[in-house]
Amino acid sequence: MDHGQLGALMEGLGKAATDAATVLANIGTAAKDAALAATAAAVGARRSEILAANERDMAAARAARTSGPRLERLRLDAERLEAIAASVAAVIALPDPIGRVAAEWQRPNGLRIQRVVVPLGVIGVIYESRPNVTVDAGALCLKSGNAVILRGGSESRHSNAALYACLAEGLKAAGLPAACIQLVPTTERAAVGYMLAGMSEYLDVIVPRGGKTLVARVQQEARVPVIGHLEGNCHVYIDRDADVGMARAIALNAKMRRTGICGAAETLLVDRACVATHLGPIVRDLLDAGCEVRGDATVRQVDARVRAASEDDWYTEYLDAIIAARVVADVDEAIAHIARYGSAHTESIVTENQATAERFLQRVDSAIVLHNASTQFADGGEFGMGAEIGISTDRLHARGPVGVQQLTSYKYVVRGAGQTRP
């Protein structure tokens, strides 16, 4: 496809999405939920087709010697398809945010003012590997009244197409325009560049979902606002007043439940005051589970299998069975370490001391902070949002899991009775 053909294709997607967004902004909840219900049913009915498409992607990825973590992100099975359908059902159950009056008041001159929730408009989602994003993003954008243009990675193109067919079936069943949700029908890399720099007339916001290279490119080149995060360098801090059994369970889960997600712990910080009781069991749990531990001098004394950590390790998002481990003097040194090396994504403290916990929760400036819970809960579904389109570490508009509510804006509706300004 030459440049002119690609431009015409992308221009067509943008125009169609803009028209569809006008329709979506003014339809009721029932039609949106009907489309989502039909989508969830289609995921179940098309299971064999979807899994066959995913196996084509997996086979190509294995032939290309794709890394284990990337293969894990790409893989679909019956359980994951059930989870995709369940996430759509959860989105249906959410209140429709559009048209909600977020605040209202009356001025002394009699003007009645309301702040009313409205859609963002047209959202572009650029993502890699995880095919479930196709349905999650489509469902969340539809529920929040936004048209969406999806551009998945080439490594998951067959899986994405099969899942997109479910969304298209849902739209058709509910009588909604097909352009409410569109999948870019080419895997040419130039399509990404076109979305970033050539569609500002049509796209209102872009959400990247993928590795550091992709997200960095989107943040650097996009000509429209971006919602997303560059890295998930997440920390677990084990305080001197932590229950050792709880600390072991949380540290192991935070790192090893799924190592390839952005909420996986990448650094373990342990209070020097509990090194004798807590450090050894936690480190050995990780090592025995197949995790490589890279530690400072104190951590290396625990087990000969621990490798030496470098300065770069404290900055690294591994997305693999690797963790950096360091002993700190106290909670304040843990907070300082996170501020210096972290990516403002997700951090957890394990402690039975409420005052220490509150100090950590208040002073750590990350999108998500947890007390006595695994960082793997950094997920829109786990927050009761049904699903998420991504995690944002921005401070403007959306922060943390980006769900239905975060994909909206607002306008002011002012009602008067003939008032003029003196």
Foldseek 3Di string as FASTA:
>chain_A
DDPVVLVVLVVVLLVLQQVLLVVLQPDDLVLLLQLLLQLLVLLVVCVVQLQVLLVVLLVVCVVVVPDPLLSVQQDDDPVVSNLLSQLSVLLSPDDQQFQDFPDWDADPVGKIKTKGWTFLEEEEEEEERHLSLLSQVLSQCSSLSYAYEYEYAPSNVSNNVSSVVSSQSSCVVSVGDSSSYHYSPDNDPVSVLCQFAPNPVRHQEYEYYYALVVVVCSVVRHPHHYFAFNAQAEEEEEALAFDQVLSLVQLCCLCPVQLQDSLRHAEYEYAPNCCVPHLLSNVVSLVVVPAAEAEDPSSCVSDVSHHHDDPVSLQDSPSDRYHYYYYDNGLVRVLVSCVVRNRLAEYEYGHPDPVSQVVNVVRRRHLYYYYSHHSVCQFCVSVSQSGASHAGRDPPQDHGGHGNVSSIDIDMDMDDDPDDDD
